[in-house]
Amino acid sequence: MSLVARISNGKVVERRVVGEKVAEAVKKEGAQLLNKWNPALSDFIILRDFVTLTFQAPITKELLDKIREFSPKRVGDKIEVTVPVFEIVYNSTWTSDNMRIDDAVIIAPHIDESSDEQIMNSILQELAEPAEE
């Protein structure tokens, strides 16, 4: 299952969970977003990034089953996993050497609501920071 969130002007305007694995969800959403993209005004970019999620140990067997593919590591009294997060940018504005992302879709593995919040907070913080050259 995958988390799919639409971001517009730095705010989450839609958030849903889909049944596809992340790679399939990225391909499907990317293909649909090509129809919303205006090549005369913006770049179309699919970026892969990573977010580290933290869980308080001990974790349940169900949670372990969900995060096992991401190679969980014990760090003190916490369990950490690094998950892939894809950003599909289909409406952006260049200002000098910086790119402002106006509209994007974020796709990441859906583990649970807490993980979704950690991922979204990390991505929104990243989008809020000015791009550095």
Protein backbone atom coordinates (compact mmCIF):
# COMPACT_ATOMS: atom_id res chain seq x y z
CA MET A 1 0.00 0.00 0.00
CA SER A 2 1.15 3.52 -0.72
CA LEU A 3 0.50 7.00 0.62
CA VAL A 4 -0.35 9.49 -2.14
CA ALA A 5 -0.55 13.16 -1.17
CA ARG A 6 -1.13 16.18 -3.40
CA ILE A 7 0.66 19.35 -2.35
CA SER A 8 -0.31 22.78 -3.62
CA ASN A 9 1.54 25.94 -2.56
CA GLY A 10 3.09 24.20 0.44
CA LYS A 11 -0.15 22.68 1.78
CA VAL A 12 -1.55 19.17 1.62
CA VAL A 13 -4.79 19.42 -0.38
CA GLU A 14 -5.46 15.69 -0.81
CA ARG A 15 -4.20 12.60 0.96
CA ARG A 16 -5.16 9.00 0.27
CA VAL A 17 -3.90 5.45 0.56
CA VAL A 18 -3.86 3.30 -2.58
CA GLY A 19 -3.43 -0.45 -2.95
CA GLU A 20 -0.42 -0.36 -5.28
CA LYS A 21 3.19 -0.73 -4.19
CA VAL A 22 5.20 2.50 -4.33
CA ALA A 23 6.86 1.91 -7.73
CA GLU A 24 3.55 1.13 -9.42
CA ALA A 25 1.82 4.10 -7.74
CA VAL A 26 4.62 6.42 -8.97
CA LYS A 27 4.21 5.23 -12.56
CA LYS A 28 0.41 5.47 -12.45
CA GLU A 29 0.31 8.93 -10.81
CA GLY A 30 3.12 10.21 -13.04
CA ALA A 31 1.26 9.16 -16.18
CA GLN A 32 -1.91 10.91 -14.99
CA LEU A 33 -0.04 14.08 -14.00
CA LEU A 34 1.50 14.43 -17.44
CA ASN A 35 -1.97 15.56 -18.56
CA LYS A 36 -1.96 18.39 -15.97
CA TRP A 37 1.57 19.53 -16.83
CA ASN A 38 2.13 22.60 -19.01
CA PRO A 39 5.54 22.15 -20.71
CA ALA A 40 5.60 25.82 -21.70
CA LEU A 41 5.54 26.93 -18.06
CA SER A 42 7.21 24.28 -15.93
CA ASP A 43 9.53 21.31 -15.72
CA PHE A 44 8.14 17.82 -15.03
CA ILE A 45 10.35 16.09 -12.49
CA ILE A 46 10.15 12.82 -10.60
CA LEU A 47 12.59 12.81 -7.67
CA ARG A 48 13.40 9.96 -5.33
CA ASP A 49 14.34 10.92 -1.80
CA PHE A 50 14.50 9.06 1.50
CA VAL A 51 12.92 9.72 4.89
CA THR A 52 13.96 8.02 8.12
CA LEU A 53 11.05 6.88 10.28
CA THR A 54 11.37 6.24 14.00
CA PHE A 55 9.32 3.84 16.12
CA GLN A 56 9.49 3.33 19.87
CA ALA A 57 10.77 -0.17 20.75
CA PRO A 58 9.44 -2.73 21.26
CA ILE A 59 7.31 -2.85 18.13
CA THR A 60 4.48 -5.25 17.31
CA LYS A 61 4.91 -8.22 15.00
CA GLU A 62 2.44 -6.56 12.59
CA LEU A 63 4.56 -3.41 12.41
CA LEU A 64 7.73 -5.46 11.97
CA ASP A 65 6.10 -7.30 9.05
CA LYS A 66 5.29 -3.94 7.41
CA ILE A 67 8.78 -2.44 7.83
CA ARG A 68 10.94 -5.56 7.34
CA GLU A 69 11.58 -4.76 3.64
CA PHE A 70 13.20 -1.45 4.68
CA SER A 71 15.85 -3.14 6.89
CA PRO A 72 14.90 -1.84 10.36
CA LYS A 73 17.75 -0.96 12.71
CA ARG A 74 17.72 -0.68 16.49
CA VAL A 75 19.06 2.68 17.68
CA GLY A 76 18.94 2.87 21.48
CA ASP A 77 15.32 2.42 22.54
CA LYS A 78 14.00 3.11 19.03
CA ILE A 79 13.67 1.29 15.71
CA GLU A 80 14.59 3.23 12.56
CA VAL A 81 13.85 2.53 8.91
CA THR A 82 14.67 4.58 5.86
CA VAL A 83 11.90 4.56 3.25
CA PRO A 84 11.83 5.87 -0.32
CA VAL A 85 9.70 8.94 -0.98
CA PHE A 86 8.95 10.09 -4.51
CA GLU A 87 8.09 13.67 -5.41
CA ILE A 88 6.37 14.24 -8.76
CA VAL A 89 6.65 17.95 -9.54
CA TYR A 90 4.38 19.08 -12.36
CA ASN A 91 4.05 22.81 -11.69
CA SER A 92 7.05 24.82 -10.56
CA THR A 93 8.49 28.30 -10.94
CA TRP A 94 12.13 29.24 -11.34
CA THR A 95 13.32 32.37 -9.57
CA SER A 96 16.96 33.07 -10.29
CA ASP A 97 18.69 29.80 -9.30
CA ASN A 98 15.89 28.56 -7.03
CA MET A 99 12.90 26.44 -7.91
CA ARG A 100 9.60 27.00 -6.10
CA ILE A 101 7.37 23.94 -6.20
CA ASP A 102 3.78 25.05 -6.72
CA ASP A 103 2.12 21.65 -7.29
CA ALA A 104 3.46 18.18 -6.59
CA VAL A 105 2.39 14.70 -5.60
CA ILE A 106 4.23 12.77 -2.91
CA ILE A 107 4.23 8.97 -2.94
CA ALA A 108 5.65 6.83 -0.14
CA PRO A 109 5.04 3.49 1.51
CA HIS A 110 1.98 3.48 3.78
CA ILE A 111 2.93 1.78 7.04
CA ASP A 112 0.52 3.45 9.46
CA GLU A 113 -0.95 6.88 10.22
CA SER A 114 2.01 7.86 12.42
CA SER A 115 4.45 7.06 9.60
CA ASP A 116 2.34 9.01 7.12
CA GLU A 117 2.55 12.04 9.44
CA GLN A 118 6.33 11.70 9.84
CA ILE A 119 6.76 11.50 6.05
CA MET A 120 4.47 14.44 5.32
CA ASN A 121 6.06 16.64 8.00
CA SER A 122 9.52 15.90 6.61
CA ILE A 123 8.51 16.64 3.01
CA LEU A 124 6.56 19.80 3.87
CA GLN A 125 9.54 21.10 5.86
CA GLU A 126 11.81 20.37 2.90
CA LEU A 127 9.48 22.14 0.47
CA ALA A 128 9.26 25.16 2.78
CA GLU A 129 13.03 25.62 2.80
CA PRO A 130 14.42 27.67 -0.07
CA ALA A 131 16.25 25.55 -2.62
CA GLU A 132 20.02 25.88 -2.38
CA GLU A 133 22.38 25.89 -5.30
